Protein backbone atom coordinates (compact mmCIF):
# COMPACT_ATOMS: atom_id res chain seq x y z
CA UNK A 1 -0.86 -34.61 43.84
CA UNK A 2 -4.31 -33.12 43.99
CA UNK A 3 -3.66 -30.45 46.67
CA UNK A 4 -7.31 -30.45 47.80
CA UNK A 5 -6.83 -33.90 49.35
CA UNK A 6 -3.49 -33.14 50.98
CA UNK A 7 -5.10 -32.15 54.30
CA UNK A 8 -7.28 -35.26 54.39
CA UNK A 9 -4.15 -37.46 53.86
CA UNK A 10 -2.22 -35.70 56.58
CA UNK A 11 -4.97 -36.08 58.99
CA UNK A 12 -5.54 -39.79 58.15
CA UNK A 13 -1.79 -40.48 58.38
CA UNK A 14 -1.65 -39.01 61.84
CA UNK A 15 -4.64 -41.37 62.95
CA UNK A 16 -3.15 -44.64 61.49
CA UNK A 17 0.23 -43.90 63.13
CA UNK A 18 -1.20 -43.00 66.53
CA UNK A 19 -0.60 -45.90 68.95
CA UNK A 20 -3.21 -44.41 71.26
CA UNK A 21 -6.06 -44.99 68.83
CA UNK A 22 -7.83 -48.43 68.71
CA UNK A 23 -6.89 -50.98 66.09
CA UNK A 24 -10.22 -50.43 64.48
CA UNK A 25 -9.76 -46.65 64.09
CA UNK A 26 -6.24 -47.11 62.71
CA UNK A 27 -7.41 -49.62 60.15
CA UNK A 28 -10.20 -47.51 58.94
CA UNK A 29 -7.95 -44.51 58.64
CA UNK A 30 -5.43 -46.53 56.73
CA UNK A 31 -8.01 -47.97 54.36
CA UNK A 32 -9.43 -44.61 53.80
CA UNK A 33 -5.86 -43.21 53.18
CA UNK A 34 -5.24 -45.99 50.50
CA UNK A 35 -8.59 -45.28 48.80
CA UNK A 36 -7.69 -41.52 48.43
CA UNK A 37 -4.37 -42.52 46.95
CA UNK A 38 -6.03 -44.82 44.55
CA UNK A 39 -8.35 -41.93 43.62
CA UNK A 40 -5.36 -39.56 43.19
CA UNK A 41 -3.87 -41.99 40.67
CA UNK A 42 -7.05 -41.93 38.59
CA UNK A 43 -6.26 -39.37 35.91
CA UNK A 44 -9.87 -38.94 34.82
CA UNK A 45 -11.22 -38.35 38.33
CA UNK A 46 -8.15 -36.01 39.08
CA UNK A 47 -9.16 -33.97 35.72
CA UNK A 48 -12.79 -33.87 36.80
CA UNK A 49 -11.90 -32.48 40.07
CA UNK A 50 -9.75 -29.82 38.57
CA UNK A 51 -12.47 -28.77 36.21
CA UNK A 52 -14.83 -28.60 39.32
CA UNK A 53 -12.47 -26.33 41.05
CA UNK A 54 -11.97 -24.15 38.02
CA UNK A 55 -15.77 -23.85 37.43
CA UNK A 56 -16.35 -23.06 41.17
CA UNK A 57 -13.71 -20.32 41.01
CA UNK A 58 -15.40 -18.98 37.79
CA UNK A 59 -18.75 -19.04 39.60
CA UNK A 60 -20.37 -21.01 36.93
CA UNK A 61 -23.09 -22.85 38.82
CA UNK A 62 -24.32 -24.86 35.84
CA UNK A 63 -20.95 -26.13 35.09
CA UNK A 64 -20.39 -26.94 38.79
CA UNK A 65 -23.78 -28.96 39.01
CA UNK A 66 -22.83 -30.77 35.70
CA UNK A 67 -19.18 -31.72 36.79
CA UNK A 68 -20.31 -32.70 40.33
CA UNK A 69 -22.91 -35.30 38.63
CA UNK A 70 -20.10 -36.59 36.36
CA UNK A 71 -17.85 -37.13 39.41
CA UNK A 72 -20.59 -38.97 41.29
CA UNK A 73 -21.37 -41.24 38.31
CA UNK A 74 -17.70 -41.93 37.53
CA UNK A 75 -16.91 -42.61 41.18
CA UNK A 76 -19.92 -45.03 41.34
CA UNK A 77 -18.77 -46.84 38.13
CA UNK A 78 -15.11 -46.94 39.29
CA UNK A 79 -16.12 -48.37 42.69
CA UNK A 80 -14.93 -45.55 44.83
CA UNK A 81 -18.29 -45.16 46.90
């Protein structure tokens, strides 16, 4: 699993299992949770995110910008946005 999304998934899981939240809030959280899971199963997107993390750690601003654009373009084509 892409560890950068683990916190998001945990938070969303709490929301869609909270009976005190409205049905609308729980449904949105559940849909978002499933959307993130779908993205995590996408090997190309996961690899792009790993490259972005490594470039950010290396403080390579040009690579960060380029990879960010790749992620946005790929996400748009794959229907994640």
